[in-house]
């Protein structure tokens, strides 16, 4: 009578892994989980999360302060001339121009904010 080769289920039930093998299998599983989690799973470190949150908060504050900059522009008595000058400035230099005019300097601040100035330029392009 011919003996059959054991199938996977039989081999699994007969296997008796050692503690060393189980330990290294657990270590390999943990390492694989960490690698997959950080590369494809979207996991990030706490430092990276704080950095991203600070950037988003800074952008949100600039967007909220930009309308004040527009109001300050509209209150400027020479706004027609300054608007003409602003349109003549290259798109990269417009934020700096707004800063020099003082429109991006918020009440209580010592100097202008470059992010507020950039957002102000975007709003001025839409409003005017």
Protein backbone atom coordinates (compact mmCIF):
# COMPACT_ATOMS: atom_id res chain seq x y z
CA UNK A 1 0.00 0.00 0.00
CA UNK A 2 1.29 3.38 -0.98
CA UNK A 3 1.79 6.08 1.66
CA UNK A 4 0.47 9.52 0.93
CA UNK A 5 2.43 12.62 1.65
CA UNK A 6 0.98 14.52 4.61
CA UNK A 7 -1.08 17.56 3.70
CA UNK A 8 -0.56 21.04 5.19
CA UNK A 9 -3.14 20.56 7.91
CA UNK A 10 -1.50 17.38 9.13
CA UNK A 11 1.95 18.92 9.02
CA UNK A 12 0.69 21.94 10.98
CA UNK A 13 -0.90 19.84 13.69
CA UNK A 14 2.28 17.77 14.04
CA UNK A 15 4.67 20.73 14.21
CA UNK A 16 6.13 21.71 17.56
CA UNK A 17 7.88 25.07 17.24
CA UNK A 18 10.55 25.96 19.76
CA UNK A 19 10.42 29.00 21.98
CA UNK A 20 13.27 30.55 20.01
CA UNK A 21 11.38 30.15 16.76
CA UNK A 22 8.25 31.69 18.29
CA UNK A 23 10.26 34.60 19.68
CA UNK A 24 11.87 35.43 16.32
CA UNK A 25 8.56 35.01 14.51
CA UNK A 26 7.00 37.58 16.86
CA UNK A 27 9.94 39.97 16.36
CA UNK A 28 9.68 39.63 12.57
CA UNK A 29 5.92 40.25 12.72
CA UNK A 30 6.40 43.41 14.81
CA UNK A 31 9.09 44.77 12.48
CA UNK A 32 6.96 44.03 9.42
CA UNK A 33 3.95 45.75 11.03
CA UNK A 34 6.00 48.86 11.84
CA UNK A 35 7.47 49.05 8.33
CA UNK A 36 4.08 48.63 6.65
CA UNK A 37 2.42 51.09 9.05
CA UNK A 38 4.91 53.91 8.50
CA UNK A 39 5.33 53.42 4.74
CA UNK A 40 1.81 52.62 3.55
CA UNK A 41 -0.40 52.84 6.63
CA UNK A 42 -0.21 56.59 7.08
CA UNK A 43 1.39 56.47 10.52
CA UNK A 44 3.47 59.49 11.51
CA UNK A 45 5.57 60.37 14.53
CA UNK A 46 4.39 62.79 17.19
CA UNK A 47 6.99 65.37 16.13
CA UNK A 48 5.86 65.28 12.53
CA UNK A 49 2.22 65.63 13.62
CA UNK A 50 3.06 68.69 15.77
CA UNK A 51 5.01 70.24 12.88
CA UNK A 52 2.10 69.71 10.48
CA UNK A 53 -0.41 71.08 12.99
CA UNK A 54 1.70 74.20 13.59
CA UNK A 55 1.90 74.83 9.84
CA UNK A 56 -1.84 74.42 9.39
CA UNK A 57 -2.55 76.71 12.35
CA UNK A 58 -0.20 79.37 10.98
CA UNK A 59 -1.89 79.22 7.57
CA UNK A 60 -5.35 79.46 9.15
CA UNK A 61 -4.36 82.51 11.21
CA UNK A 62 -2.95 84.20 8.10
CA UNK A 63 -6.19 83.58 6.20
CA UNK A 64 -8.21 85.07 9.08
CA UNK A 65 -6.00 88.17 9.28
CA UNK A 66 -5.84 88.83 5.53
CA UNK A 67 -9.23 90.63 5.42
CA UNK A 68 -7.84 93.16 7.95
CA UNK A 69 -5.04 93.81 5.48
CA UNK A 70 -7.60 94.46 2.72
CA UNK A 71 -9.50 96.89 4.97
CA UNK A 72 -6.24 98.72 5.70
CA UNK A 73 -5.58 98.90 1.94
CA UNK A 74 -9.05 100.34 1.31
CA UNK A 75 -8.51 102.93 4.08
CA UNK A 76 -5.26 104.12 2.46
CA UNK A 77 -5.88 107.56 0.85
CA UNK A 78 -3.39 106.78 -1.96
CA UNK A 79 -4.85 103.38 -2.73
CA UNK A 80 -5.41 104.07 -6.44
CA UNK A 81 -1.75 104.92 -6.97
CA UNK A 82 -0.58 102.06 -4.77
CA UNK A 83 -2.86 99.61 -6.58
CA UNK A 84 -1.27 100.68 -9.86
CA UNK A 85 2.18 100.16 -8.34
CA UNK A 86 1.11 96.78 -6.94
CA UNK A 87 -0.04 95.63 -10.38
CA UNK A 88 3.31 96.67 -11.88
CA UNK A 89 5.24 94.56 -9.36
CA UNK A 90 5.99 90.94 -10.34
CA UNK A 91 3.79 88.32 -8.75
CA UNK A 92 6.69 87.18 -6.55
CA UNK A 93 7.27 90.66 -5.16
CA UNK A 94 3.67 91.61 -4.38
CA UNK A 95 3.71 90.18 -0.87
CA UNK A 96 6.84 92.16 -0.10
CA UNK A 97 5.20 95.32 -1.52
CA UNK A 98 2.18 94.82 0.77
CA UNK A 99 4.54 94.38 3.72
CA UNK A 100 6.38 97.63 2.89
CA UNK A 101 3.09 99.53 2.78
CA UNK A 102 2.31 98.36 6.32
CA UNK A 103 -1.01 96.78 5.45
CA UNK A 104 0.15 93.35 6.66
CA UNK A 105 1.27 94.69 10.05
CA UNK A 106 -1.44 93.67 12.45
CA UNK A 107 -2.40 95.75 15.48
CA UNK A 108 -0.11 94.98 18.38
CA UNK A 109 2.58 93.45 16.16
CA UNK A 110 6.04 94.92 15.69
CA UNK A 111 6.32 94.10 12.00
CA UNK A 112 4.47 92.66 9.03
CA UNK A 113 3.71 88.97 8.58
CA UNK A 114 4.76 87.52 5.22
CA UNK A 115 1.98 84.89 5.21
CA UNK A 116 -0.65 87.55 5.90
CA UNK A 117 0.81 89.66 3.09
CA UNK A 118 0.64 86.76 0.64
CA UNK A 119 -2.97 86.02 1.57
CA UNK A 120 -3.76 89.74 1.34
CA UNK A 121 -2.42 89.82 -2.22
CA UNK A 122 -4.73 86.93 -3.12
CA UNK A 123 -7.73 88.75 -1.64
CA UNK A 124 -6.81 92.03 -3.32
CA UNK A 125 -6.68 90.24 -6.66
CA UNK A 126 -10.23 88.96 -6.08
CA UNK A 127 -11.72 92.14 -4.62
CA UNK A 128 -10.27 94.61 -7.04
